[in-house]
Amino acid sequence: QVLLLHLISCLFLVVALKYSPNAASVIHVFGYEGREAEVSCRYDAGYESYSKYLCRGECDYTDVLIETGQTKKGRYSFSDDKNKRIFIVTISDLNYKDGGKYWCGVTRTGKDLYKEVKLQVVSVSTAQGEEGSPMSISCPYPPEHQHNLKYLCRGKRPSTCLRQAVITSNNSSRGRFSIHDDKVAGNFTVTISRLTPNDSGSYLCGVHITNGLDVFSAVELESFPPTASSQQTSSISPFVTRNISSQTTQTTGTSGSSVNTMCVCVCVCVCVCVCLGCVISHLSNVFSALLLSWLLHADV
């Protein structure tokens, strides 16, 4: 009797495992607000011709978001690769409400087959910096995680982010990167001491959760060449000095020429006046002589 009860218990356990979602095979999907995310659902051989779907909540008929036969439905699109035995649901224009639990379902007689999906949607912030200058990336986090490990990695893959982190809060600095965690403000900042063109790209700010999924926020970093104003600081000043010097020299030369010309004019005027005076005096003498001669002839 004890053996029979044991066999019955094992049978119920096998049935429960077979028809309930497997927590170990949870599909983790990561997406950015405003962009799209792909939910890839694999299924076993023999189910190629069965109907598949993606649902939320209790997965009643009204909870089905899209299914076989619907290539497009609102923000959801559906495709089924029967050769690879995988169907893909793409969710476009993501928002934070899209985050949470989903189910990949395969319709069959009796209880459908399910696989759990956890979709994490993060906001994307942009940061711009001038090449050669320092640049800071700000990463906010919930207050309950103030004592957790923080880190920054390049790329868009949360599953490998911690292993490929460029810096973590365990080390305050690493190469050109340094990190500061303000636990009161709930924000950690990563500073790049000297930005280069190669630093442009996608980054993930991560907070490590020991018993759960890490928390992420995304940053798109763009570096740009030094602006014209910063280049002029070192290159324009000498030219301005030389221009000013040249202009000063030209101005001085012009002033000297003006003075010389004026002196010549004065001299010419004086000479003309003197000459005119002499001519007038001579003409006066001639006129006086003629007048005197005329008077003498008149008396005779």
Foldseek 3Di string as FASTA:
>chain_A
DVVVVVVVVVVVVVVCVQQDADPVQEAEWEEEAQFKTKDKDADDPPLLPFKKFKFDDPPDPVRTPDIPPAQDDVQWGWDADSVRRMIMIMGGNDDQVPFAKMWIWTDDPDHIHIYIYGYGYAYEAEFEEEAFAKGKDKDADDLVLLPFKKFKAFDDDQVCGVVRTPDIPVDQDDVQWGKDRDSVRRMIMIMRGGDDQVVFHKMWIWTDDPPDGIDIHIYGYGYDYDDPVVVCVPPVVVVVVVVVVVVVVVVVVVVVVVVVVVVVVVVVVVVVVVVVVVVVVVVVVVVVVVVVVVVVVVVD
